[in-house]
C-alpha cells in the first residue's frame, strides 16, 4: 500500500498516517482469512477498526475464495488523463448497474466525490480517484457512504487505497462472551448457544439493542437509493456501544436488491438449496427451467426477528412476554410475496418497537 502511495498510484486521508508519520497502528486481528483482514487499530489516538482487502474481485473463479486478489488490476481505473466529468460518468454507470435506475444517483455521485477528496482541497486527484474506485466495488464501503448520517452505521474515518478505517464499536457481538477460536472449535453449537444466552446484557438493554436492529432494517428498506438485502443476519455481524445503541460491525453481505437479482437469476439449480446468496438470501429454483428465480423469499425484517427471538424472550418481563412472542412469530412469518407486504412490514415493525419502548422508557437501563 505504501509503495503505491509513495509512487502516487493511490492517495487518501489515511495514507500519510499509515506511511509517513506512522500514527495509524494495527492492533488485535479480528479475522482469519487473507481476503478479509480486519484489525482493531488506533489512528491519531482515536480507536477504530481497520479493514483491508475485504472482498475478492469478481474476476476470480468461484471456489477459490482464499486466492489473493490480482494486484495488477486493482488500481487500474481511472487512467491518467481521465477528467473529473469522465470519472463522474464512470461512477454513475457503476451505481446504475448496482442500484438500478434510481432518480437521485447524481446526488450520490457528488457525495462520493466529496468523500474521495480526502485532503479537502476541493479537487479529486488521480490517486484519490483510484482509491475511491477500488473502494466503491465493496458493498460495505458503498453502504457506509449512503447511510453515513444514520445512527446504526459506523462512521467512515478515512481510507488509503482499498484500506479503510471505520469507527470502533465497543462490543463486537450481540452476546457478551468471546472465546479464543481454538476453544470455539471444541464447543458443540447447542452448548455454545446456551452459553451465548447466559452472557447477555440485562433485558431492558437487550430491548434497546433490538430496537436499534429494527431501526437499521428500516434504514435499508426502500431508502433513497433502493432496497438493500441483509444476506448474513447473524449475531457476529452486530455490535453495540456503551450506551447500548446497535452498531453494524460487518456489512459486507448487505447488498443492493438490484445487484443481487442480477447475480442470482439464471444461476443453474437442482433445488432451492442452490439458490442462496450469503447465508440467508434465498430464492426458489424454477424446476421447469432449472434456473434460480430472482425474488428473494424472506424479507430483512423476518430474519432480524428470527435472530432476536431467543435474545428477547429470555428474561422478558412476564407481563409482555406473551404479546412479544406473538409479535415476533408474526414477524418471522413475513414473506416478500405476500400481498400488501410493505404495509404489513411497517405495521409489524412499528408494533414491535412500540411494545419494547413502552416497556423500557421508564427504566434506568434505557
Protein backbone atom coordinates (compact mmCIF):
# COMPACT_ATOMS: atom_id res chain seq x y z
CA UNK A 1 0.00 0.00 0.00
CA UNK A 2 2.72 2.48 0.99
CA UNK A 3 4.78 1.78 -2.15
CA UNK A 4 1.73 2.69 -4.23
CA UNK A 5 1.15 5.83 -2.14
CA UNK A 6 4.75 6.97 -2.46
CA UNK A 7 4.68 6.49 -6.25
CA UNK A 8 1.40 8.43 -6.50
CA UNK A 9 -0.79 5.50 -7.59
CA UNK A 10 -3.16 5.86 -4.62
CA UNK A 11 -3.98 8.58 -2.10
CA UNK A 12 -6.41 9.17 0.75
CA UNK A 13 -6.73 10.76 4.19
CA UNK A 14 -5.21 7.74 5.99
CA UNK A 15 -2.16 7.38 3.70
CA UNK A 16 0.07 9.93 5.41
CA UNK A 17 -0.62 8.43 8.87
CA UNK A 18 -0.08 4.90 7.58
CA UNK A 19 3.08 5.51 5.56
CA UNK A 20 4.81 8.71 6.74
CA UNK A 21 4.01 9.70 10.34
CA UNK A 22 3.15 6.07 11.26
CA UNK A 23 0.31 7.16 13.55
CA UNK A 24 -2.10 4.50 12.29
CA UNK A 25 -1.45 1.46 14.47
CA UNK A 26 -2.72 -2.06 13.83
CA UNK A 27 -3.76 -3.92 16.98
CA UNK A 28 -5.62 -7.20 17.50
CA UNK A 29 -6.51 -9.10 14.32
CA UNK A 30 -10.24 -9.89 14.17
CA UNK A 31 -10.17 -12.15 11.11
CA UNK A 32 -8.59 -15.39 9.93
CA UNK A 33 -8.86 -15.11 6.14
CA UNK A 34 -6.40 -13.26 3.91
CA UNK A 35 -9.23 -11.79 1.82
CA UNK A 36 -10.93 -10.45 4.94
CA UNK A 37 -8.34 -8.59 7.01
CA UNK A 38 -9.80 -6.71 9.94
CA UNK A 39 -7.88 -5.22 12.87
CA UNK A 40 -8.60 -3.16 15.93
CA UNK A 41 -6.49 -0.07 15.40
CA UNK A 42 -5.66 3.41 16.65
CA UNK A 43 -5.46 6.38 14.29
CA UNK A 44 -4.08 9.62 15.77
CA UNK A 45 -5.11 8.42 19.26
CA UNK A 46 -8.68 7.55 18.16
CA UNK A 47 -9.76 3.87 18.31
CA UNK A 48 -11.06 2.43 15.06
CA UNK A 49 -11.44 -0.75 13.03
CA UNK A 50 -9.05 -1.10 10.07
CA UNK A 51 -10.25 -3.19 7.13
CA UNK A 52 -8.31 -4.11 4.02
CA UNK A 53 -8.62 -6.48 1.07
CA UNK A 54 -12.17 -7.15 2.18
CA UNK A 55 -13.70 -8.77 -0.91
CA UNK A 56 -12.27 -10.56 -3.89
CA UNK A 57 -12.55 -9.03 -7.31
CA UNK A 58 -15.31 -10.75 -9.26
CA UNK A 59 -12.98 -12.00 -11.99
CA UNK A 60 -11.68 -14.79 -9.73
CA UNK A 61 -13.18 -18.23 -10.17
CA UNK A 62 -15.85 -19.22 -7.66
CA UNK A 63 -14.49 -21.72 -5.19
CA UNK A 64 -11.07 -20.08 -4.91
CA UNK A 65 -12.20 -17.95 -2.01
CA UNK A 66 -8.80 -17.71 -0.37
CA UNK A 67 -6.87 -16.88 -3.52
CA UNK A 68 -5.46 -13.36 -3.12
CA UNK A 69 -6.64 -10.67 -5.49
CA UNK A 70 -4.77 -9.98 -8.70
CA UNK A 71 -2.90 -6.81 -7.71
CA UNK A 72 -2.35 -5.72 -11.32
CA UNK A 73 -5.98 -4.87 -11.93
CA UNK A 74 -6.80 -3.36 -8.55
CA UNK A 75 -5.86 0.29 -9.12
CA UNK A 76 -6.07 0.37 -12.91
CA UNK A 77 -9.01 2.81 -13.05
CA UNK A 78 -9.41 5.65 -13.70
CA UNK A 79 -6.45 6.00 -16.06
CA UNK A 80 -4.17 9.03 -16.26
CA UNK A 81 -5.79 11.83 -18.24
CA UNK A 82 -9.34 10.99 -17.07
CA UNK A 83 -11.29 14.21 -16.42
CA UNK A 84 -13.43 14.69 -13.31
CA UNK A 85 -16.51 14.70 -15.56
CA UNK A 86 -15.49 11.34 -17.08
CA UNK A 87 -14.85 9.93 -13.57
CA UNK A 88 -18.34 11.07 -12.52
CA UNK A 89 -19.79 9.24 -15.52
CA UNK A 90 -17.87 6.06 -14.56
CA UNK A 91 -19.24 6.23 -11.00
CA UNK A 92 -22.77 6.95 -12.28
CA UNK A 93 -22.65 3.88 -14.56
CA UNK A 94 -21.37 1.70 -11.69
CA UNK A 95 -24.22 2.88 -9.43
CA UNK A 96 -26.81 2.34 -12.15
CA UNK A 97 -25.60 -1.27 -12.53
CA UNK A 98 -25.52 -1.89 -8.75
CA UNK A 99 -28.51 0.11 -7.54
CA UNK A 100 -30.80 0.23 -10.57
CA UNK A 101 -32.20 3.33 -12.18
CA UNK A 102 -32.81 5.41 -9.03
CA UNK A 103 -33.84 9.01 -9.62
CA UNK A 104 -31.19 10.63 -7.44
CA UNK A 105 -27.99 8.83 -8.45
CA UNK A 106 -26.39 12.15 -9.43
CA UNK A 107 -26.62 13.28 -5.77
CA UNK A 108 -24.88 10.07 -4.71
CA UNK A 109 -22.11 10.64 -7.30
CA UNK A 110 -21.50 14.12 -5.85
CA UNK A 111 -21.44 12.66 -2.34
CA UNK A 112 -18.79 10.14 -3.46
CA UNK A 113 -16.65 12.94 -4.91
CA UNK A 114 -16.82 14.75 -1.55
CA UNK A 115 -15.71 11.57 0.25
CA UNK A 116 -12.97 10.90 -2.35
CA UNK A 117 -11.50 14.37 -1.81
CA UNK A 118 -9.59 13.16 1.25
CA UNK A 119 -7.43 16.28 1.73
CA UNK A 120 -10.48 18.57 1.27
CA UNK A 121 -8.73 20.79 -1.26
CA UNK A 122 -11.81 20.90 -3.48
CA UNK A 123 -10.25 18.65 -6.13
CA UNK A 124 -10.07 14.89 -6.58
CA UNK A 125 -6.54 13.79 -7.52
CA UNK A 126 -5.88 10.73 -9.67
CA UNK A 127 -4.63 8.82 -6.58
CA UNK A 128 -7.79 9.70 -4.63
CA UNK A 129 -9.96 8.69 -7.60
CA UNK A 130 -8.18 5.31 -7.92
CA UNK A 131 -8.67 4.66 -4.19
CA UNK A 132 -12.34 5.66 -4.33
CA UNK A 133 -12.98 3.49 -7.41
CA UNK A 134 -11.43 0.42 -5.71
CA UNK A 135 -13.48 1.05 -2.56
CA UNK A 136 -16.74 1.52 -4.45
CA UNK A 137 -16.53 -2.10 -5.61
CA UNK A 138 -17.10 -3.08 -1.94
CA UNK A 139 -20.69 -3.30 -0.67
CA UNK A 140 -19.75 -2.21 2.83
CA UNK A 141 -17.99 0.97 1.73
CA UNK A 142 -20.87 1.96 -0.54
CA UNK A 143 -23.36 1.38 2.27
CA UNK A 144 -21.27 3.38 4.76
CA UNK A 145 -21.37 6.36 2.40
CA UNK A 146 -25.11 6.01 1.65
CA UNK A 147 -26.02 5.62 5.34
CA UNK A 148 -23.38 7.98 6.75
CA UNK A 149 -25.98 10.04 8.67
CA UNK A 150 -27.72 7.02 10.18
CA UNK A 151 -27.19 6.15 13.83
CA UNK A 152 -26.54 2.42 13.42
CA UNK A 153 -23.92 2.61 10.65
CA UNK A 154 -20.32 3.04 11.86
CA UNK A 155 -18.75 6.28 10.63
CA UNK A 156 -16.07 6.13 7.96
CA UNK A 157 -12.92 7.74 9.41
CA UNK A 158 -10.69 7.57 6.33
CA UNK A 159 -9.03 5.39 3.69
CA UNK A 160 -5.84 4.73 1.75
CA UNK A 161 -6.17 2.69 -1.43
CA UNK A 162 -8.62 -0.11 -0.59
CA UNK A 163 -7.79 0.03 3.13
CA UNK A 164 -10.36 1.92 5.18
CA UNK A 165 -10.83 2.86 8.83
CA UNK A 166 -14.23 2.94 10.49
CA UNK A 167 -15.23 3.97 13.99
CA UNK A 168 -14.67 1.45 16.73
CA UNK A 169 -17.57 -0.47 18.30
CA UNK A 170 -17.08 -1.39 21.97
CA UNK A 171 -18.93 -4.72 21.84
CA UNK A 172 -18.49 -6.64 18.59
CA UNK A 173 -21.22 -9.25 19.04
CA UNK A 174 -24.76 -9.30 20.42
CA UNK A 175 -23.55 -11.73 23.05
CA UNK A 176 -21.19 -10.85 25.85
CA UNK A 177 -18.55 -13.56 25.73
CA UNK A 178 -15.88 -14.19 23.12
CA UNK A 179 -13.56 -17.16 23.36
CA UNK A 180 -10.26 -17.95 21.63
CA UNK A 181 -11.00 -19.69 18.32
CA UNK A 182 -9.10 -22.81 19.42
CA UNK A 183 -11.61 -23.29 22.26
CA UNK A 184 -14.54 -22.40 19.95
CA UNK A 185 -13.66 -25.39 17.75
CA UNK A 186 -14.36 -27.85 20.57
CA UNK A 187 -17.62 -26.39 21.87
CA UNK A 188 -20.78 -28.07 20.47
CA UNK A 189 -23.01 -25.49 18.76
CA UNK A 190 -26.03 -26.26 21.00
CA UNK A 191 -23.97 -25.68 24.15
CA UNK A 192 -22.48 -22.54 22.60
CA UNK A 193 -25.99 -21.12 22.01
CA UNK A 194 -26.88 -21.76 25.67
CA UNK A 195 -23.68 -20.02 26.77
CA UNK A 196 -24.43 -17.09 24.49
CA UNK A 197 -27.85 -16.58 26.06
CA UNK A 198 -26.31 -16.52 29.55
CA UNK A 199 -23.77 -13.82 28.73
CA UNK A 200 -26.01 -11.01 27.55
CA UNK A 201 -26.85 -7.54 28.93
CA UNK A 202 -29.90 -7.02 31.16
CA UNK A 203 -33.29 -7.32 29.42
CA UNK A 204 -34.01 -3.55 29.09
CA UNK A 205 -30.59 -3.13 27.47
CA UNK A 206 -31.23 -6.05 25.13
CA UNK A 207 -34.55 -4.40 24.21
CA UNK A 208 -32.74 -1.15 23.34
CA UNK A 209 -30.21 -3.04 21.17
CA UNK A 210 -33.12 -4.87 19.47
CA UNK A 211 -34.87 -1.56 18.70
CA UNK A 212 -31.59 -0.48 17.07
CA UNK A 213 -31.65 -3.52 14.77
CA UNK A 214 -35.28 -2.82 13.82
CA UNK A 215 -34.31 0.79 13.02
CA UNK A 216 -31.41 -0.40 10.85
CA UNK A 217 -33.82 -2.67 8.96
CA UNK A 218 -35.88 0.48 8.30
CA UNK A 219 -32.76 2.35 7.12
CA UNK A 220 -32.00 -0.20 4.38
CA UNK A 221 -35.63 -0.92 3.37
CA UNK A 222 -36.53 1.06 0.24
CA UNK A 223 -34.38 4.08 1.12
CA UNK A 224 -33.45 6.89 -1.30
CA UNK A 225 -31.14 4.55 -3.26
CA UNK A 226 -33.36 1.49 -3.37
CA UNK A 227 -33.75 -1.60 -1.24
CA UNK A 228 -30.78 -3.42 0.34
CA UNK A 229 -30.94 -7.07 1.37
CA UNK A 230 -29.27 -8.42 4.51
CA UNK A 231 -27.77 -11.72 3.39
CA UNK A 232 -25.94 -12.77 6.57
CA UNK A 233 -28.14 -11.90 9.51
CA UNK A 234 -26.11 -13.26 12.40
CA UNK A 235 -25.13 -12.05 15.88
CA UNK A 236 -21.45 -11.84 14.93
CA UNK A 237 -22.17 -9.03 12.44
CA UNK A 238 -23.87 -6.82 15.02
CA UNK A 239 -22.35 -4.92 17.92
CA UNK A 240 -23.27 -2.09 20.27
CA UNK A 241 -21.64 0.79 22.10
CA UNK A 242 -21.50 1.63 25.79
CA UNK A 243 -24.94 3.30 25.54
CA UNK A 244 -26.39 0.05 24.12
CA UNK A 245 -27.02 1.59 20.71
CA UNK A 246 -26.75 -1.05 17.99
CA UNK A 247 -23.89 -0.63 15.50
CA UNK A 248 -23.31 -2.81 12.45
CA UNK A 249 -19.88 -4.44 12.66
CA UNK A 250 -19.81 -6.16 9.27
CA UNK A 251 -21.96 -5.04 6.34
CA UNK A 252 -20.21 -6.92 3.52
CA UNK A 253 -23.20 -9.16 2.88
CA UNK A 254 -25.76 -6.35 2.74
CA UNK A 255 -26.30 -5.97 -0.98
CA UNK A 256 -28.45 -3.83 -3.28
CA UNK A 257 -31.53 -5.82 -4.32
CA UNK A 258 -30.98 -4.91 -8.00
CA UNK A 259 -27.42 -6.21 -7.82
CA UNK A 260 -28.45 -9.47 -6.12
CA UNK A 261 -31.19 -10.16 -8.67
CA UNK A 262 -28.60 -9.91 -11.44
CA UNK A 263 -26.17 -12.16 -9.53
CA UNK A 264 -28.65 -14.92 -8.79
CA UNK A 265 -31.12 -15.01 -11.68
CA UNK A 266 -30.37 -17.62 -14.31
CA UNK A 267 -27.97 -19.43 -11.97
CA UNK A 268 -28.29 -23.15 -12.73
CA UNK A 269 -30.00 -25.10 -9.93
CA UNK A 270 -31.18 -28.58 -9.00
CA UNK A 271 -33.12 -27.46 -5.91
CA UNK A 272 -33.84 -24.35 -3.81
CA UNK A 273 -30.61 -25.07 -1.89
CA UNK A 274 -28.64 -23.92 -4.95
CA UNK A 275 -30.35 -20.53 -4.91
CA UNK A 276 -28.78 -18.95 -1.83
CA UNK A 277 -26.56 -15.86 -1.67
CA UNK A 278 -24.57 -15.27 1.52
CA UNK A 279 -26.09 -17.42 4.25
CA UNK A 280 -29.76 -16.48 4.09
CA UNK A 281 -30.83 -14.64 0.92
CA UNK A 282 -32.84 -17.42 -0.69
CA UNK A 283 -34.79 -17.55 -3.91
CA UNK A 284 -36.51 -20.61 -5.38
CA UNK A 285 -35.40 -22.98 -8.13
CA UNK A 286 -37.71 -22.99 -11.14
CA UNK A 287 -37.91 -26.71 -11.93
CA UNK A 288 -39.14 -26.13 -15.48
CA UNK A 289 -36.02 -24.15 -16.49
CA UNK A 290 -33.60 -25.40 -13.75
CA UNK A 291 -32.71 -21.73 -13.12
CA UNK A 292 -32.92 -19.67 -9.92
CA UNK A 293 -35.70 -17.09 -9.79
CA UNK A 294 -34.76 -13.54 -8.79
CA UNK A 295 -37.29 -12.86 -6.00
CA UNK A 296 -35.81 -13.28 -2.50
CA UNK A 297 -38.31 -15.15 -0.32
CA UNK A 298 -37.71 -13.75 3.18
CA UNK A 299 -37.53 -10.00 3.92
CA UNK A 300 -34.85 -8.49 6.19
CA UNK A 301 -37.36 -7.91 8.98
CA UNK A 302 -38.30 -11.62 9.23
CA UNK A 303 -34.61 -12.57 9.50
CA UNK A 304 -33.97 -9.87 12.12
CA UNK A 305 -36.90 -11.17 14.20
CA UNK A 306 -35.61 -14.74 13.89
CA UNK A 307 -32.28 -13.55 15.29
CA UNK A 308 -33.94 -11.57 18.09
CA UNK A 309 -36.46 -14.24 19.17
CA UNK A 310 -34.36 -16.10 21.76
CA UNK A 311 -32.41 -12.93 22.60
CA UNK A 312 -35.56 -11.02 23.61
CA UNK A 313 -37.71 -13.82 25.04
CA UNK A 314 -35.06 -14.92 27.54
CA UNK A 315 -35.62 -12.81 30.64
CA UNK A 316 -38.55 -10.88 29.12
CA UNK A 317 -40.92 -9.33 31.72
CA UNK A 318 -43.84 -11.70 32.28
CA UNK A 319 -46.49 -9.03 31.55
CA UNK A 320 -45.36 -8.59 27.94
CA UNK A 321 -43.84 -11.98 27.20
CA UNK A 322 -46.94 -13.48 25.56
CA UNK A 323 -47.58 -10.42 23.37
CA UNK A 324 -43.88 -10.17 22.48
CA UNK A 325 -43.74 -13.83 21.45
CA UNK A 326 -46.89 -13.42 19.32
CA UNK A 327 -45.47 -10.36 17.54
CA UNK A 328 -42.08 -11.99 16.94
CA UNK A 329 -43.69 -15.07 15.36
CA UNK A 330 -45.89 -12.87 13.11
CA UNK A 331 -42.75 -11.08 12.07
CA UNK A 332 -40.80 -14.29 11.32
CA UNK A 333 -43.71 -15.47 9.15
CA UNK A 334 -43.44 -12.41 6.84
CA UNK A 335 -42.89 -13.31 3.20
CA UNK A 336 -41.86 -10.98 0.38
CA UNK A 337 -44.56 -12.44 -1.87
CA UNK A 338 -47.44 -11.61 0.49
CA UNK A 339 -49.98 -9.05 -0.77
CA UNK A 340 -49.52 -5.65 0.85
CA UNK A 341 -46.14 -6.81 2.21
CA UNK A 342 -44.89 -3.24 2.66
CA UNK A 343 -47.89 -2.21 4.75
CA UNK A 344 -47.68 -5.37 6.85
CA UNK A 345 -43.91 -4.84 7.21
CA UNK A 346 -44.40 -1.30 8.57
CA UNK A 347 -47.18 -2.36 10.90
CA UNK A 348 -45.25 -5.27 12.44
CA UNK A 349 -42.08 -3.20 12.78
CA UNK A 350 -43.86 -0.27 14.46
CA UNK A 351 -45.83 -2.54 16.81
CA UNK A 352 -42.65 -4.29 17.95
CA UNK A 353 -40.76 -1.04 18.51
CA UNK A 354 -43.71 0.46 20.43
CA UNK A 355 -44.05 -2.61 22.66
CA UNK A 356 -40.35 -2.56 23.53
CA UNK A 357 -40.09 1.22 24.02
CA UNK A 358 -43.16 1.34 26.28
CA UNK A 359 -41.64 -1.31 28.50
CA UNK A 360 -38.19 0.26 28.83
CA UNK A 361 -38.77 4.00 28.55
CA UNK A 362 -39.01 4.47 32.33
CA UNK A 363 -36.11 2.24 33.34
CA UNK A 364 -32.62 3.47 34.23
CA UNK A 365 -31.11 0.91 31.84
CA UNK A 366 -32.62 2.57 28.77
